[in-house]
PDB file of N, CA and C in Angstrom:
ATOM      1  N   MET A   1     -17.550   5.077  -5.993  1.00  0.00           N
ATOM      2  CA  MET A   1     -17.000   4.256  -5.044  1.00  0.00           C
ATOM      3  C   MET A   1     -18.084   4.485  -3.999  1.00  0.00           C
ATOM      4  N   GLY A   2     -18.148   3.259  -3.340  1.00  0.00           N
ATOM      5  CA  GLY A   2     -19.271   3.130  -2.413  1.00  0.00           C
ATOM      6  C   GLY A   2     -18.842   2.422  -1.095  1.00  0.00           C
ATOM      7  N   ILE A   3     -20.040   1.847  -0.355  1.00  0.00           N
ATOM      8  CA  ILE A   3     -19.496   0.825   0.779  1.00  0.00           C
ATOM      9  C   ILE A   3     -18.547  -0.151   0.330  1.00  0.00           C
ATOM     10  N   LYS A   4     -18.913  -0.764  -0.665  1.00  0.00           N
ATOM     11  CA  LYS A   4     -18.421  -2.098  -1.295  1.00  0.00           C
ATOM     12  C   LYS A   4     -16.791  -1.745  -1.123  1.00  0.00           C
ATOM     13  N   THR A   5     -16.520  -0.499  -1.716  1.00  0.00           N
ATOM     14  CA  THR A   5     -14.968  -0.111  -1.976  1.00  0.00           C
ATOM     15  C   THR A   5     -14.461   0.115  -0.672  1.00  0.00           C
ATOM     16  N   LYS A   6     -15.138   0.613   0.348  1.00  0.00           N
ATOM     17  CA  LYS A   6     -14.729   0.901   1.787  1.00  0.00           C
ATOM     18  C   LYS A   6     -14.094  -0.513   2.517  1.00  0.00           C
ATOM     19  N   LYS A   7     -15.050  -1.447   2.010  1.00  0.00           N
ATOM     20  CA  LYS A   7     -15.131  -2.514   2.898  1.00  0.00           C
ATOM     21  C   LYS A   7     -13.824  -3.483   2.423  1.00  0.00           C
ATOM     22  N   ILE A   8     -13.702  -3.533   1.153  1.00  0.00           N
ATOM     23  CA  ILE A   8     -12.741  -3.918   0.161  1.00  0.00           C
ATOM     24  C   ILE A   8     -11.468  -3.488   0.785  1.00  0.00           C
ATOM     25  N   MET A   9     -11.208  -2.227   0.817  1.00  0.00           N
ATOM     26  CA  MET A   9      -9.845  -1.519   1.319  1.00  0.00           C
ATOM     27  C   MET A   9      -9.465  -1.835   2.905  1.00  0.00           C
ATOM     28  N   GLU A  10     -10.733  -1.728   3.966  1.00  0.00           N
ATOM     29  CA  GLU A  10     -10.222  -2.132   5.065  1.00  0.00           C
ATOM     30  C   GLU A  10      -9.841  -3.912   5.023  1.00  0.00           C
ATOM     31  N   GLU A  11     -10.441  -4.711   4.124  1.00  0.00           N
ATOM     32  CA  GLU A  11      -9.852  -6.007   3.973  1.00  0.00           C
ATOM     33  C   GLU A  11      -8.503  -6.123   3.537  1.00  0.00           C
ATOM     34  N   LEU A  12      -7.822  -5.249   2.774  1.00  0.00           N
ATOM     35  CA  LEU A  12      -6.816  -5.208   2.235  1.00  0.00           C
ATOM     36  C   LEU A  12      -5.792  -4.693   3.461  1.00  0.00           C
ATOM     37  N   VAL A  13      -5.946  -3.650   3.934  1.00  0.00           N
ATOM     38  CA  VAL A  13      -5.350  -3.359   5.412  1.00  0.00           C
ATOM     39  C   VAL A  13      -5.220  -4.419   6.082  1.00  0.00           C
ATOM     40  N   LYS A  14      -6.310  -5.066   6.511  1.00  0.00           N
ATOM     41  CA  LYS A  14      -5.961  -6.366   7.395  1.00  0.00           C
ATOM     42  C   LYS A  14      -5.076  -7.273   6.922  1.00  0.00           C
ATOM     43  N   LEU A  15      -5.194  -7.591   5.341  1.00  0.00           N
ATOM     44  CA  LEU A  15      -4.294  -8.257   4.886  1.00  0.00           C
ATOM     45  C   LEU A  15      -3.018  -8.305   4.986  1.00  0.00           C
ATOM     46  N   ASN A  16      -2.772  -6.673   4.599  1.00  0.00           N
ATOM     47  CA  ASN A  16      -1.519  -6.211   4.911  1.00  0.00           C
ATOM     48  C   ASN A  16      -0.814  -6.242   6.337  1.00  0.00           C
ATOM     49  N   LYS A  17      -1.613  -6.013   7.500  1.00  0.00           N
ATOM     50  CA  LYS A  17      -0.934  -5.819   8.862  1.00  0.00           C
ATOM     51  C   LYS A  17      -0.425  -7.293   8.998  1.00  0.00           C
ATOM     52  N   TYR A  18      -1.329  -8.227   8.692  1.00  0.00           N
ATOM     53  CA  TYR A  18      -0.910  -9.669   9.040  1.00  0.00           C
ATOM     54  C   TYR A  18       0.267  -9.989   8.145  1.00  0.00           C
ATOM     55  N   SER A  19       0.575  -9.585   6.913  1.00  0.00           N
ATOM     56  CA  SER A  19       1.709 -10.482   6.253  1.00  0.00           C
ATOM     57  C   SER A  19       2.863  -9.473   6.882  1.00  0.00           C
ATOM     58  N   TYR A  20       2.670  -8.053   7.354  1.00  0.00           N
ATOM     59  CA  TYR A  20       3.890  -7.370   7.889  1.00  0.00           C
ATOM     60  C   TYR A  20       4.262  -8.076   9.022  1.00  0.00           C
ATOM     61  N   THR A  21       3.194  -8.718   9.843  1.00  0.00           N
ATOM     62  CA  THR A  21       3.550  -9.126  11.313  1.00  0.00           C
ATOM     63  C   THR A  21       4.058 -10.499  11.059  1.00  0.00           C
TER      64      THR A  21
END
């Protein structure tokens, strides 16, 4: 687990927020 994984997780969270909105 590194910085790349953290970035991907953040991107997924953003996508989820946009999907629910």
